[in-house]
Amino acid sequence: MTPLETIDKAIALAKTKGVILASYGDMLRVPGSMTDLLRVKAQGADVRMVYSPLDALRLAREKLRGKLYFRHWI
């Protein structure tokens, strides 16, 4: 189970201008204390679903305009 604090940090990071947050799809609906990544994405954050770390690497190579964060949930 992912700690609530970790989810909230990912949400805050996703809301940061110029940041792309890449995560596995099942984590997009996991609720933080106020919202989830899917809702943040709907509000305009650049949240991308990936299926593997290699997908995140490909995304990073394609999108050099900002910072890409890949969250490997433990």
N, C-alpha and C. Protein backbone atom coordinates (compact mmCIF):
# COMPACT_ATOMS: atom_id res chain seq x y z
N MET A 1 0.84 -1.17 0.00
CA MET A 1 0.00 0.00 0.00
C MET A 1 0.89 1.25 0.00
N THR A 2 0.55 2.20 -0.82
CA THR A 2 1.32 3.44 -0.93
C THR A 2 0.84 4.43 0.13
N PRO A 3 1.76 4.99 0.91
CA PRO A 3 1.37 5.96 1.94
C PRO A 3 0.68 7.19 1.34
N LEU A 4 -0.28 7.73 2.07
CA LEU A 4 -1.02 8.91 1.64
C LEU A 4 -0.08 10.08 1.35
N GLU A 5 0.95 10.23 2.15
CA GLU A 5 1.92 11.31 1.96
C GLU A 5 2.61 11.20 0.61
N THR A 6 2.90 10.00 0.17
CA THR A 6 3.55 9.79 -1.13
C THR A 6 2.62 10.18 -2.27
N ILE A 7 1.35 9.82 -2.15
CA ILE A 7 0.36 10.20 -3.17
C ILE A 7 0.25 11.72 -3.23
N ASP A 8 0.15 12.36 -2.07
CA ASP A 8 0.04 13.82 -2.03
C ASP A 8 1.26 14.51 -2.65
N LYS A 9 2.44 13.96 -2.43
CA LYS A 9 3.66 14.53 -3.03
C LYS A 9 3.62 14.39 -4.55
N ALA A 10 3.16 13.25 -5.05
CA ALA A 10 3.05 13.05 -6.49
C ALA A 10 2.04 14.02 -7.10
N ILE A 11 0.94 14.25 -6.40
CA ILE A 11 -0.08 15.19 -6.88
C ILE A 11 0.49 16.60 -6.92
N ALA A 12 1.19 17.00 -5.87
CA ALA A 12 1.80 18.33 -5.84
C ALA A 12 2.82 18.49 -6.96
N LEU A 13 3.59 17.47 -7.21
CA LEU A 13 4.58 17.49 -8.28
C LEU A 13 3.89 17.62 -9.63
N ALA A 14 2.81 16.87 -9.83
CA ALA A 14 2.08 16.91 -11.10
C ALA A 14 1.50 18.29 -11.38
N LYS A 15 1.18 19.04 -10.35
CA LYS A 15 0.61 20.38 -10.50
C LYS A 15 1.66 21.44 -10.84
N THR A 16 2.93 21.08 -10.76
CA THR A 16 4.01 22.02 -11.01
C THR A 16 4.15 22.30 -12.50
N LYS A 17 4.18 23.57 -12.85
CA LYS A 17 4.31 23.97 -14.26
C LYS A 17 5.59 23.42 -14.87
N GLY A 18 5.49 22.89 -16.07
CA GLY A 18 6.66 22.37 -16.78
C GLY A 18 7.04 20.95 -16.42
N VAL A 19 6.24 20.31 -15.57
CA VAL A 19 6.53 18.94 -15.13
C VAL A 19 5.58 17.96 -15.81
N ILE A 20 6.14 16.86 -16.27
CA ILE A 20 5.35 15.73 -16.75
C ILE A 20 5.50 14.64 -15.70
N LEU A 21 4.39 14.14 -15.19
CA LEU A 21 4.45 13.06 -14.23
C LEU A 21 3.96 11.79 -14.91
N ALA A 22 4.82 10.79 -14.96
CA ALA A 22 4.48 9.50 -15.56
C ALA A 22 4.24 8.49 -14.45
N SER A 23 3.15 7.75 -14.57
CA SER A 23 2.79 6.79 -13.54
C SER A 23 2.06 5.62 -14.17
N TYR A 24 2.05 4.52 -13.45
CA TYR A 24 1.25 3.38 -13.89
C TYR A 24 -0.22 3.75 -13.78
N GLY A 25 -1.02 3.24 -14.68
CA GLY A 25 -2.43 3.59 -14.76
C GLY A 25 -3.23 3.32 -13.50
N ASP A 26 -2.92 2.24 -12.80
CA ASP A 26 -3.71 1.92 -11.61
C ASP A 26 -3.52 2.94 -10.50
N MET A 27 -2.44 3.71 -10.54
CA MET A 27 -2.18 4.70 -9.50
C MET A 27 -2.90 6.02 -9.75
N LEU A 28 -3.44 6.21 -10.94
CA LEU A 28 -4.09 7.48 -11.25
C LEU A 28 -5.35 7.70 -10.44
N ARG A 29 -6.01 6.64 -10.02
CA ARG A 29 -7.25 6.75 -9.26
C ARG A 29 -7.08 6.62 -7.75
N VAL A 30 -5.88 6.35 -7.30
CA VAL A 30 -5.64 6.21 -5.86
C VAL A 30 -5.80 7.58 -5.21
N PRO A 31 -6.69 7.70 -4.24
CA PRO A 31 -6.95 9.02 -3.66
C PRO A 31 -5.84 9.49 -2.73
N GLY A 32 -5.53 10.78 -2.87
CA GLY A 32 -4.68 11.45 -1.90
C GLY A 32 -5.59 12.03 -0.83
N SER A 33 -5.09 12.97 -0.06
CA SER A 33 -5.92 13.53 1.01
C SER A 33 -7.02 14.44 0.46
N MET A 34 -6.83 15.02 -0.75
CA MET A 34 -7.83 15.93 -1.32
C MET A 34 -8.31 15.54 -2.71
N THR A 35 -7.49 14.85 -3.48
CA THR A 35 -7.83 14.54 -4.87
C THR A 35 -7.01 13.34 -5.33
N ASP A 36 -7.04 13.04 -6.61
CA ASP A 36 -6.21 11.97 -7.18
C ASP A 36 -5.56 12.48 -8.47
N LEU A 37 -4.64 11.71 -9.00
CA LEU A 37 -3.90 12.14 -10.19
C LEU A 37 -4.80 12.27 -11.42
N LEU A 38 -5.84 11.46 -11.51
CA LEU A 38 -6.74 11.54 -12.65
C LEU A 38 -7.49 12.87 -12.67
N ARG A 39 -7.93 13.33 -11.51
CA ARG A 39 -8.61 14.63 -11.43
C ARG A 39 -7.65 15.78 -11.71
N VAL A 40 -6.43 15.65 -11.20
CA VAL A 40 -5.42 16.68 -11.45
C VAL A 40 -5.13 16.75 -12.94
N LYS A 41 -5.08 15.60 -13.60
CA LYS A 41 -4.89 15.55 -15.05
C LYS A 41 -6.05 16.26 -15.76
N ALA A 42 -7.27 16.01 -15.31
CA ALA A 42 -8.45 16.64 -15.91
C ALA A 42 -8.43 18.16 -15.73
N GLN A 43 -7.75 18.62 -14.70
CA GLN A 43 -7.63 20.06 -14.43
C GLN A 43 -6.48 20.70 -15.20
N GLY A 44 -5.75 19.90 -15.98
CA GLY A 44 -4.72 20.46 -16.84
C GLY A 44 -3.29 20.03 -16.57
N ALA A 45 -3.06 19.26 -15.50
CA ALA A 45 -1.70 18.79 -15.24
C ALA A 45 -1.29 17.78 -16.31
N ASP A 46 -0.01 17.72 -16.60
CA ASP A 46 0.50 16.79 -17.62
C ASP A 46 0.87 15.47 -16.94
N VAL A 47 -0.12 14.63 -16.76
CA VAL A 47 0.05 13.32 -16.14
C VAL A 47 -0.09 12.28 -17.25
N ARG A 48 0.89 11.42 -17.38
CA ARG A 48 0.89 10.41 -18.44
C ARG A 48 0.89 9.01 -17.84
N MET A 49 0.11 8.14 -18.44
CA MET A 49 0.08 6.75 -18.02
C MET A 49 1.12 5.98 -18.82
N VAL A 50 1.92 5.20 -18.11
CA VAL A 50 2.92 4.34 -18.76
C VAL A 50 2.71 2.91 -18.28
N TYR A 51 3.21 1.98 -19.08
CA TYR A 51 3.07 0.56 -18.75
C TYR A 51 4.36 -0.04 -18.21
N SER A 52 5.47 0.68 -18.41
CA SER A 52 6.76 0.16 -17.94
C SER A 52 7.74 1.31 -17.78
N PRO A 53 8.85 1.07 -17.08
CA PRO A 53 9.89 2.10 -17.00
C PRO A 53 10.44 2.48 -18.37
N LEU A 54 10.44 1.55 -19.30
CA LEU A 54 10.91 1.87 -20.66
C LEU A 54 9.99 2.88 -21.33
N ASP A 55 8.68 2.79 -21.07
CA ASP A 55 7.75 3.79 -21.61
C ASP A 55 8.09 5.17 -21.06
N ALA A 56 8.43 5.25 -19.79
CA ALA A 56 8.80 6.53 -19.18
C ALA A 56 10.09 7.06 -19.81
N LEU A 57 11.02 6.18 -20.08
CA LEU A 57 12.28 6.59 -20.71
C LEU A 57 12.02 7.13 -22.12
N ARG A 58 11.16 6.45 -22.88
CA ARG A 58 10.82 6.91 -24.23
C ARG A 58 10.15 8.29 -24.16
N LEU A 59 9.26 8.45 -23.21
CA LEU A 59 8.58 9.73 -23.03
C LEU A 59 9.58 10.83 -22.70
N ALA A 60 10.53 10.54 -21.84
CA ALA A 60 11.54 11.53 -21.48
C ALA A 60 12.37 11.93 -22.69
N ARG A 61 12.69 10.99 -23.53
CA ARG A 61 13.48 11.29 -24.73
C ARG A 61 12.69 12.14 -25.71
N GLU A 62 11.38 11.93 -25.79
CA GLU A 62 10.53 12.68 -26.72
C GLU A 62 10.20 14.08 -26.21
N LYS A 63 10.05 14.22 -24.93
CA LYS A 63 9.56 15.47 -24.34
C LYS A 63 10.66 16.16 -23.55
N LEU A 64 11.55 16.79 -24.23
CA LEU A 64 12.67 17.44 -23.56
C LEU A 64 12.34 18.85 -23.09
N ARG A 65 11.11 19.31 -23.28
CA ARG A 65 10.73 20.68 -22.93
C ARG A 65 10.62 20.90 -21.43
N GLY A 66 10.38 19.87 -20.67
CA GLY A 66 10.19 20.04 -19.23
C GLY A 66 10.83 18.89 -18.48
N LYS A 67 10.54 18.83 -17.20
CA LYS A 67 11.07 17.74 -16.39
C LYS A 67 10.05 16.61 -16.37
N LEU A 68 10.57 15.40 -16.48
CA LEU A 68 9.72 14.22 -16.42
C LEU A 68 10.04 13.48 -15.13
N TYR A 69 9.00 13.16 -14.38
CA TYR A 69 9.14 12.36 -13.17
C TYR A 69 8.37 11.07 -13.37
N PHE A 70 9.05 9.96 -13.17
CA PHE A 70 8.41 8.66 -13.24
C PHE A 70 8.34 8.12 -11.83
N ARG A 71 7.16 7.82 -11.40
CA ARG A 71 6.97 7.33 -10.04
C ARG A 71 6.78 5.82 -10.10
N HIS A 72 7.79 5.10 -9.62
CA HIS A 72 7.69 3.65 -9.52
C HIS A 72 7.15 3.37 -8.12
N TRP A 73 5.90 3.06 -8.05
CA TRP A 73 5.20 2.87 -6.78
C TRP A 73 5.63 1.57 -6.13
N ILE A 74 5.96 1.64 -4.88
CA ILE A 74 6.41 0.45 -4.15
C ILE A 74 5.32 0.01 -3.20
